[in-house]
Amino acid sequence: MNKKLHVIYISLFILTGIAVTAILAINGFEYYNTPLEERFFNSQHGALKPSGDWGHGFGIIGSLMMILGVSVYMIRKRFRWLFNLGYLKHWLELHIFLCSVGPVLVLYHTAFKFGGIVSVSFWSMVLVVLSGVVGRFIYVQIPRTIQGQEMGINALNDLRENLLSKITRAIKLDDETMQKFEQLASPERYKEAGFVKAVSFFPKDYFKMRSILNKIKREIKKAGLPGIVRKDIVKTAKVEIVLSRRIGLLRIFHKFFRYWHIVHLPFALTMFVIMLVHVGVTIVFGYKWIF
């Protein structure tokens, strides 16, 4: 999948998610905004209640999306014979899409009424989604190959050295700019960081990086280099800074990624077990959808 196609791929996911949320909110605003004791008299009650044609459908489709999202990603990740079937990051993006829109549909299935054991499943689902956002953040901080395999520290250091060498060969920066760049692009500055401090580096580094990249832009502009070369140097410098941060924080993010799995998995299992019990009870009591 080339860059342009990947942008379309991601854009479709985002637009679909926004459209589904917005359309359901607008269509059912009056009903969902009606007090629970008065909903029976609302004209949309028959369709949007949890057992209604629309409400029931939201629950079925949302649940299937979550099951499919978890299944396809786990299968692609664990079976070696599927490693050449697309990049892992693209499957992760599909997983995120299905496991984001699915809970939205389940939320509308509940008609914003939570109670009993099903509420445990719902709030577990909410925690799974929230922890998934955190997990995604941690995941992208661990450098990986294009196929999604984690890179070793030696390969990372070699890559960093190559990037730095490319910059120094392309342009001679003044001593002050070079010193600030090397300081910002040093993995050692992250050595003693805990998780909270590690996260705090991101907003701090953003402004520092913008400042140093602007200085580099001015330096290379004075050198009279072609626009495409200047753009490549700035991009390389940015990659070098980000890569250095990821190398410096690799240990801490490895540690918290293991902790994240310990938290994420129980919530997901609780959600799916209660969901299956809920579905079983619904079938036993004779509730049917359109079939």
Protein backbone atom coordinates (compact mmCIF):
# COMPACT_ATOMS: atom_id res chain seq x y z
CA MET A 1 0.00 0.00 0.00
CA ASN A 2 1.63 3.25 -1.13
CA LYS A 3 1.48 6.49 0.86
CA LYS A 4 -1.43 7.98 -1.11
CA LEU A 5 -3.51 4.81 -0.81
CA HIS A 6 -2.73 4.61 2.90
CA VAL A 7 -3.99 8.18 3.41
CA ILE A 8 -7.24 7.22 1.64
CA TYR A 9 -7.45 4.05 3.77
CA ILE A 10 -7.12 5.99 7.04
CA SER A 11 -9.37 8.83 5.83
CA LEU A 12 -12.18 6.38 5.05
CA PHE A 13 -11.96 4.96 8.57
CA ILE A 14 -12.05 8.41 10.17
CA LEU A 15 -14.88 9.71 7.98
CA THR A 16 -16.91 6.52 8.49
CA GLY A 17 -16.50 6.73 12.26
CA ILE A 18 -17.50 10.40 12.38
CA ALA A 19 -20.42 9.85 9.98
CA VAL A 20 -21.84 6.88 11.92
CA THR A 21 -21.62 8.73 15.25
CA ALA A 22 -23.10 11.95 13.86
CA ILE A 23 -25.95 10.34 11.89
CA LEU A 24 -27.09 8.18 14.81
CA ALA A 25 -26.85 11.13 17.21
CA ILE A 26 -28.87 13.45 14.96
CA ASN A 27 -31.45 10.80 14.06
CA GLY A 28 -32.09 9.75 17.67
CA PHE A 29 -31.39 13.01 19.50
CA GLU A 30 -35.01 13.57 20.52
CA TYR A 31 -35.45 10.00 21.73
CA TYR A 32 -32.15 9.73 23.63
CA ASN A 33 -32.81 13.14 25.20
CA THR A 34 -36.23 12.02 26.47
CA PRO A 35 -36.37 10.96 30.17
CA LEU A 36 -36.38 7.16 30.57
CA GLU A 37 -39.89 7.05 32.06
CA GLU A 38 -41.31 8.96 29.06
CA ARG A 39 -39.56 7.11 26.22
CA PHE A 40 -42.36 4.56 25.87
CA PHE A 41 -44.56 7.32 24.46
CA ASN A 42 -41.95 8.56 21.98
CA SER A 43 -42.64 7.71 18.34
CA GLN A 44 -39.09 6.33 17.91
CA HIS A 45 -39.28 4.01 20.93
CA GLY A 46 -40.26 0.93 18.91
CA ALA A 47 -37.20 1.29 16.66
CA LEU A 48 -34.50 2.67 18.95
CA LYS A 49 -35.11 0.77 22.19
CA PRO A 50 -32.48 -1.95 22.85
CA SER A 51 -34.86 -4.67 21.56
CA GLY A 52 -36.15 -2.56 18.66
CA ASP A 53 -35.27 -3.15 15.02
CA TRP A 54 -32.66 -0.39 14.95
CA GLY A 55 -31.48 -0.64 18.55
CA HIS A 56 -31.11 -4.43 18.40
CA GLY A 57 -29.26 -4.10 15.09
CA PHE A 58 -26.82 -1.61 16.58
CA GLY A 59 -25.95 -4.13 19.28
CA ILE A 60 -25.48 -7.05 16.87
CA ILE A 61 -23.42 -5.11 14.31
CA GLY A 62 -21.33 -3.37 17.00
CA SER A 63 -20.57 -6.65 18.78
CA LEU A 64 -19.61 -8.37 15.52
CA MET A 65 -17.32 -5.46 14.62
CA MET A 66 -15.49 -5.78 17.93
CA ILE A 67 -15.19 -9.57 17.65
CA LEU A 68 -13.95 -9.26 14.07
CA GLY A 69 -11.55 -6.45 14.99
CA VAL A 70 -9.94 -8.47 17.77
CA SER A 71 -9.90 -11.74 15.80
CA VAL A 72 -8.35 -10.57 12.53
CA TYR A 73 -5.58 -8.64 14.29
CA MET A 74 -4.71 -11.50 16.66
CA ILE A 75 -4.70 -14.05 13.82
CA ARG A 76 -2.55 -11.82 11.57
CA LYS A 77 -0.16 -11.13 14.45
CA ARG A 78 0.32 -14.71 15.68
CA PHE A 79 0.44 -16.88 12.55
CA ARG A 80 3.72 -16.67 10.65
CA TRP A 81 2.21 -17.88 7.37
CA LEU A 82 0.14 -14.66 7.31
CA PHE A 83 3.14 -12.32 7.80
CA ASN A 84 3.21 -11.41 4.10
CA LEU A 85 -0.51 -10.62 4.03
CA GLY A 86 -0.20 -6.85 4.34
CA TYR A 87 1.73 -4.81 6.88
CA LEU A 88 0.90 -5.38 10.55
CA LYS A 89 0.36 -1.65 11.14
CA HIS A 90 -2.43 -1.65 8.53
CA TRP A 91 -4.13 -4.55 10.32
CA LEU A 92 -3.71 -2.66 13.60
CA GLU A 93 -5.43 0.35 12.03
CA LEU A 94 -8.32 -1.89 10.93
CA HIS A 95 -8.47 -3.30 14.48
CA ILE A 96 -8.62 0.22 15.93
CA PHE A 97 -11.37 1.25 13.49
CA LEU A 98 -13.58 -1.78 14.16
CA CYS A 99 -13.00 -1.60 17.93
CA SER A 100 -13.82 2.12 17.97
CA VAL A 101 -16.96 2.21 15.82
CA GLY A 102 -18.23 -1.09 17.31
CA PRO A 103 -18.46 0.35 20.85
CA VAL A 104 -20.23 3.44 19.47
CA LEU A 105 -22.93 1.19 17.99
CA VAL A 106 -23.17 -0.78 21.24
CA LEU A 107 -23.59 2.52 23.10
CA TYR A 108 -26.57 3.40 20.89
CA HIS A 109 -27.89 -0.14 21.37
CA THR A 110 -28.12 0.52 25.11
CA ALA A 111 -30.08 3.73 24.37
CA PHE A 112 -27.85 5.24 27.08
CA LYS A 113 -29.53 3.11 29.73
CA PHE A 114 -27.16 0.98 31.79
CA GLY A 115 -28.10 -1.50 34.47
CA GLY A 116 -27.53 -4.99 35.83
CA ILE A 117 -24.66 -7.23 34.80
CA VAL A 118 -24.69 -5.77 31.27
CA SER A 119 -23.46 -2.49 32.74
CA VAL A 120 -20.30 -4.33 33.85
CA SER A 121 -19.72 -5.36 30.24
CA PHE A 122 -20.40 -1.83 29.02
CA TRP A 123 -17.99 -0.15 31.43
CA SER A 124 -15.42 -2.87 30.71
CA MET A 125 -15.84 -1.95 27.04
CA VAL A 126 -15.26 1.71 27.87
CA LEU A 127 -12.09 0.82 29.77
CA VAL A 128 -10.93 -1.40 26.91
CA VAL A 129 -11.34 1.50 24.46
CA LEU A 130 -9.56 3.97 26.76
CA SER A 131 -6.74 1.56 27.53
CA GLY A 132 -6.53 0.86 23.78
CA VAL A 133 -5.82 4.55 23.17
CA VAL A 134 -3.04 4.42 25.76
CA GLY A 135 -1.75 1.15 24.27
CA ARG A 136 -1.63 2.66 20.80
CA PHE A 137 0.43 5.57 22.11
CA ILE A 138 2.90 3.22 23.82
CA TYR A 139 3.01 0.88 20.79
CA VAL A 140 4.10 3.60 18.35
CA GLN A 141 6.94 4.63 20.68
CA ILE A 142 8.63 1.24 20.18
CA PRO A 143 10.49 1.36 16.83
CA ARG A 144 9.46 -1.35 14.40
CA THR A 145 10.18 -2.50 10.88
CA ILE A 146 7.67 -1.84 8.12
CA GLN A 147 6.29 -5.36 8.73
CA GLY A 148 5.65 -4.49 12.38
CA GLN A 149 8.53 -6.46 13.91
CA GLU A 150 10.32 -4.76 16.79
CA MET A 151 13.80 -3.47 15.94
CA GLY A 152 16.80 -4.44 18.08
CA ILE A 153 18.84 -1.78 19.87
CA ASN A 154 21.87 -2.35 17.63
CA ALA A 155 19.82 -1.83 14.48
CA LEU A 156 18.32 1.33 16.02
CA ASN A 157 21.73 2.77 16.90
CA ASP A 158 23.04 2.00 13.40
CA LEU A 159 20.03 3.74 11.89
CA ARG A 160 20.54 6.75 14.13
CA GLU A 161 24.22 6.99 13.19
CA ASN A 162 23.35 6.80 9.50
CA LEU A 163 20.81 9.61 9.85
CA LEU A 164 23.27 11.81 11.74
CA SER A 165 25.98 11.12 9.16
CA LYS A 166 23.57 12.03 6.36
CA ILE A 167 22.85 15.40 7.99
CA THR A 168 26.50 16.29 8.65
CA ARG A 169 27.48 15.34 5.09
CA ALA A 170 24.69 17.44 3.60
CA ILE A 171 25.22 20.69 5.53
CA LYS A 172 27.74 22.32 7.84
CA LEU A 173 25.79 23.81 10.76
CA ASP A 174 27.24 26.51 13.00
CA ASP A 175 28.61 25.31 16.35
CA GLU A 176 25.71 26.62 18.46
CA THR A 177 23.01 25.06 16.24
CA MET A 178 24.91 21.78 16.00
CA GLN A 179 25.36 21.65 19.78
CA LYS A 180 21.64 22.22 20.42
CA PHE A 181 20.72 19.65 17.78
CA GLU A 182 23.06 17.00 19.21
CA GLN A 183 21.77 17.69 22.72
CA LEU A 184 18.14 17.30 21.63
CA ALA A 185 18.99 14.21 19.56
CA SER A 186 20.85 12.46 22.40
CA PRO A 187 19.21 9.31 23.86
CA GLU A 188 21.14 9.93 27.11
CA ARG A 189 18.85 12.83 28.13
CA TYR A 190 16.02 10.32 28.66
CA LYS A 191 18.08 7.82 30.64
CA GLU A 192 16.64 8.33 34.14
CA ALA A 193 13.05 9.10 33.12
CA GLY A 194 10.04 7.36 34.69
CA PHE A 195 6.75 6.95 32.83
CA VAL A 196 5.26 10.32 33.87
CA LYS A 197 8.46 12.19 33.06
CA ALA A 198 8.75 10.25 29.79
CA VAL A 199 5.30 11.43 28.72
CA SER A 200 6.13 15.00 29.74
CA PHE A 201 9.02 14.98 27.25
CA PHE A 202 6.61 14.93 24.30
CA PRO A 203 5.15 18.46 24.64
CA LYS A 204 8.55 19.82 25.75
CA ASP A 205 10.37 18.21 22.84
CA TYR A 206 7.77 19.45 20.36
CA PHE A 207 8.61 23.12 20.96
CA LYS A 208 12.34 22.46 21.22
CA MET A 209 12.22 20.49 17.98
CA ARG A 210 10.30 23.25 16.16
CA SER A 211 12.90 25.77 17.33
CA ILE A 212 15.94 23.76 16.22
CA LEU A 213 14.36 22.74 12.90
CA ASN A 214 13.63 26.39 12.13
CA LYS A 215 17.29 27.20 12.80
CA ILE A 216 18.39 24.38 10.52
CA LYS A 217 16.02 25.66 7.80
CA ARG A 218 17.60 29.11 8.01
CA GLU A 219 21.11 27.65 7.89
CA ILE A 220 20.49 25.51 4.82
CA LYS A 221 18.59 28.31 3.10
CA LYS A 222 21.70 30.50 3.42
CA ALA A 223 23.71 27.69 1.82
CA GLY A 224 21.58 28.06 -1.34
CA LEU A 225 20.64 24.38 -1.56
CA PRO A 226 17.70 23.32 -3.79
CA GLY A 227 14.27 23.17 -2.16
CA ILE A 228 13.97 19.39 -2.43
CA VAL A 229 17.37 18.94 -0.74
CA ARG A 230 16.46 21.37 2.06
CA LYS A 231 13.20 19.52 2.65
CA ASP A 232 15.03 16.17 2.82
CA ILE A 233 17.59 17.50 5.34
CA VAL A 234 14.90 18.92 7.64
CA LYS A 235 12.91 15.68 7.43
CA THR A 236 16.03 13.65 8.26
CA ALA A 237 16.82 15.91 11.23
CA LYS A 238 13.27 15.46 12.56
CA VAL A 239 13.48 11.67 12.18
CA GLU A 240 16.83 11.70 13.99
CA ILE A 241 15.38 13.60 16.97
CA VAL A 242 12.29 11.36 17.22
CA LEU A 243 14.34 8.17 16.83
CA SER A 244 16.77 9.28 19.55
CA ARG A 245 13.84 9.86 21.91
CA ARG A 246 12.43 6.42 21.15
CA ILE A 247 15.81 4.79 21.77
CA GLY A 248 16.20 6.71 25.03
CA LEU A 249 12.70 5.78 26.25
CA LEU A 250 12.72 2.24 24.87
CA ARG A 251 13.26 0.60 28.26
CA ILE A 252 10.48 2.48 30.02
CA PHE A 253 7.96 1.92 27.21
CA HIS A 254 8.84 -1.77 27.03
CA LYS A 255 8.11 -2.04 30.72
CA PHE A 256 4.78 -0.22 30.55
CA PHE A 257 3.72 -2.06 27.42
CA ARG A 258 3.93 -5.29 29.46
CA TYR A 259 1.89 -3.67 32.25
CA TRP A 260 -0.61 -2.43 29.68
CA HIS A 261 -1.28 -5.99 28.49
CA ILE A 262 -1.94 -7.04 32.09
CA VAL A 263 -4.61 -4.31 32.41
CA HIS A 264 -6.10 -4.43 28.90
CA LEU A 265 -6.67 -8.19 28.61
CA PRO A 266 -8.85 -8.72 31.74
CA PHE A 267 -11.17 -5.88 30.76
CA ALA A 268 -11.49 -7.30 27.23
CA LEU A 269 -12.20 -10.83 28.53
CA THR A 270 -14.78 -9.52 31.02
CA MET A 271 -16.49 -7.56 28.26
CA PHE A 272 -16.69 -10.50 25.86
CA VAL A 273 -17.76 -13.08 28.48
CA ILE A 274 -20.65 -10.92 29.72
CA MET A 275 -21.51 -10.02 26.12
CA LEU A 276 -21.83 -13.73 25.27
CA VAL A 277 -23.97 -14.33 28.38
CA HIS A 278 -26.16 -11.38 27.37
CA VAL A 279 -26.55 -12.75 23.84
CA GLY A 280 -27.36 -16.22 25.19
CA VAL A 281 -30.02 -14.89 27.56
CA THR A 282 -31.52 -12.79 24.75
CA ILE A 283 -31.83 -15.87 22.51
CA VAL A 284 -33.27 -18.03 25.32
CA PHE A 285 -35.97 -15.45 26.01
CA GLY A 286 -36.90 -15.41 22.33
CA TYR A 287 -35.74 -11.96 21.30
CA LYS A 288 -35.09 -11.86 17.57
CA TRP A 289 -33.85 -9.22 15.18
CA ILE A 290 -34.92 -9.20 11.51
CA PHE A 291 -34.37 -12.94 11.17
